[in-house]
């Protein structure tokens, strides 16, 4: 991806996924992407440029491996540390394609947990 990959690109990616809504249940400073009412991405809007992050749902073994293998992935901020990771969006070492894959994976995990009749 490009050097300018940040929260705006993550929000655009989330908005482009089927049945996704952008909500602000924690106030105007935090965007929460939901699919059929279930959270799959949390993006702080008040973080200074250069320290932007996104918090995403992961399968526990996948999350453990990501945290272990990538300095820019941490256990989920204010979330269940086994099921969520917080991913830095800025920095030379950040793999933007992996961030895109993680957003889509988070969405897919949430969709898979929905009753069949509610899945987009």
Protein backbone atom coordinates (compact mmCIF):
# COMPACT_ATOMS: atom_id res chain seq x y z
CA UNK A 1 0.00 0.00 0.00
CA UNK A 2 1.02 3.62 0.20
CA UNK A 3 2.76 5.61 2.90
CA UNK A 4 -0.49 7.51 3.59
CA UNK A 5 -2.32 4.41 4.82
CA UNK A 6 -4.06 5.39 8.06
CA UNK A 7 -7.35 5.55 9.89
CA UNK A 8 -9.21 7.10 6.93
CA UNK A 9 -8.25 4.17 4.71
CA UNK A 10 -9.28 1.70 7.44
CA UNK A 11 -12.64 3.45 7.81
CA UNK A 12 -13.16 3.36 4.03
CA UNK A 13 -12.29 -0.34 3.94
CA UNK A 14 -14.75 -1.08 6.75
CA UNK A 15 -17.49 0.99 5.12
CA UNK A 16 -17.06 -0.99 1.90
CA UNK A 17 -17.83 -4.32 3.56
CA UNK A 18 -21.44 -5.61 3.29
CA UNK A 19 -23.99 -4.61 5.98
CA UNK A 20 -21.44 -2.46 7.84
CA UNK A 21 -22.37 0.59 9.91
CA UNK A 22 -20.12 3.29 11.37
CA UNK A 23 -21.29 4.08 14.89
CA UNK A 24 -20.02 6.24 17.77
CA UNK A 25 -21.28 4.53 20.97
CA UNK A 26 -18.26 5.73 22.98
CA UNK A 27 -18.50 9.35 21.81
CA UNK A 28 -17.42 11.29 18.73
CA UNK A 29 -13.73 10.46 19.21
CA UNK A 30 -14.08 6.71 18.50
CA UNK A 31 -15.43 5.13 15.31
CA UNK A 32 -16.88 1.65 15.76
CA UNK A 33 -17.46 -0.48 12.66
CA UNK A 34 -20.25 -3.01 13.13
CA UNK A 35 -21.76 -5.70 10.96
CA UNK A 36 -25.39 -6.48 11.83
CA UNK A 37 -24.86 -4.73 15.18
CA UNK A 38 -21.68 -6.63 16.14
CA UNK A 39 -18.33 -4.82 16.52
CA UNK A 40 -15.45 -5.82 14.26
CA UNK A 41 -13.22 -2.71 14.28
CA UNK A 42 -12.59 0.19 16.66
CA UNK A 43 -10.72 3.25 15.41
CA UNK A 44 -9.76 6.12 17.75
CA UNK A 45 -10.31 9.36 15.84
CA UNK A 46 -8.51 11.59 18.34
CA UNK A 47 -5.11 9.86 18.14
CA UNK A 48 -2.41 12.17 16.78
CA UNK A 49 -1.24 11.53 13.23
CA UNK A 50 1.59 9.02 13.44
CA UNK A 51 0.06 7.07 16.32
CA UNK A 52 -3.14 5.89 14.65
CA UNK A 53 -4.43 2.42 15.53
CA UNK A 54 -7.28 0.02 14.88
CA UNK A 55 -8.52 -2.66 17.26
CA UNK A 56 -9.69 -5.86 15.55
CA UNK A 57 -11.17 -9.23 16.45
CA UNK A 58 -8.89 -12.27 15.94
CA UNK A 59 -8.93 -15.99 16.61
CA UNK A 60 -6.89 -16.49 19.83
CA UNK A 61 -4.01 -18.51 18.29
CA UNK A 62 -3.75 -16.03 15.43
CA UNK A 63 -3.72 -13.08 17.84
CA UNK A 64 -0.98 -14.65 19.95
CA UNK A 65 1.18 -15.21 16.85
CA UNK A 66 0.60 -11.66 15.60
CA UNK A 67 1.59 -10.12 18.95
CA UNK A 68 4.64 -12.38 19.15
CA UNK A 69 5.82 -11.77 15.57
CA UNK A 70 5.03 -8.08 14.99
CA UNK A 71 6.10 -5.20 17.25
CA UNK A 72 3.28 -3.09 15.80
CA UNK A 73 0.56 -5.49 17.00
CA UNK A 74 -0.41 -5.47 20.70
CA UNK A 75 -3.12 -7.21 22.73
CA UNK A 76 -6.44 -5.37 22.30
CA UNK A 77 -6.65 -2.06 24.13
CA UNK A 78 -9.53 -2.17 26.65
CA UNK A 79 -10.72 -5.44 25.09
CA UNK A 80 -10.47 -9.17 25.77
CA UNK A 81 -6.76 -9.73 25.13
CA UNK A 82 -7.33 -13.24 23.74
CA UNK A 83 -9.84 -12.19 21.09
CA UNK A 84 -8.74 -8.67 20.11
CA UNK A 85 -5.53 -6.99 18.94
CA UNK A 86 -4.63 -3.33 18.54
CA UNK A 87 -2.68 -2.67 15.36
CA UNK A 88 -0.51 0.39 14.72
CA UNK A 89 -1.18 1.93 11.32
CA UNK A 90 1.98 4.02 11.06
CA UNK A 91 5.64 3.13 11.02
CA UNK A 92 8.19 1.74 8.62
CA UNK A 93 7.70 -1.85 9.77
CA UNK A 94 3.89 -1.88 9.42
CA UNK A 95 2.71 -4.25 6.68
CA UNK A 96 -0.31 -2.44 5.28
CA UNK A 97 -1.49 -5.43 3.26
CA UNK A 98 -1.53 -7.45 6.49
CA UNK A 99 -3.56 -4.69 8.16
CA UNK A 100 -6.10 -4.89 5.31
CA UNK A 101 -6.21 -8.68 5.67
CA UNK A 102 -6.71 -8.36 9.44
CA UNK A 103 -9.65 -5.95 8.98
CA UNK A 104 -11.31 -8.35 6.55
CA UNK A 105 -10.54 -11.31 8.81
CA UNK A 106 -12.11 -9.50 11.77
CA UNK A 107 -15.23 -8.84 9.71
CA UNK A 108 -15.34 -12.48 8.57
CA UNK A 109 -14.98 -13.77 12.16
CA UNK A 110 -17.90 -11.65 13.33
CA UNK A 111 -20.06 -12.64 10.35
CA UNK A 112 -19.29 -16.33 10.97
CA UNK A 113 -20.60 -15.93 14.53
CA UNK A 114 -23.94 -14.53 13.36
CA UNK A 115 -27.01 -16.72 12.92
CA UNK A 116 -27.25 -17.78 9.25
CA UNK A 117 -30.38 -15.74 8.68
CA UNK A 118 -28.58 -12.53 9.71
CA UNK A 119 -25.38 -13.01 7.69
CA UNK A 120 -24.90 -10.54 4.85
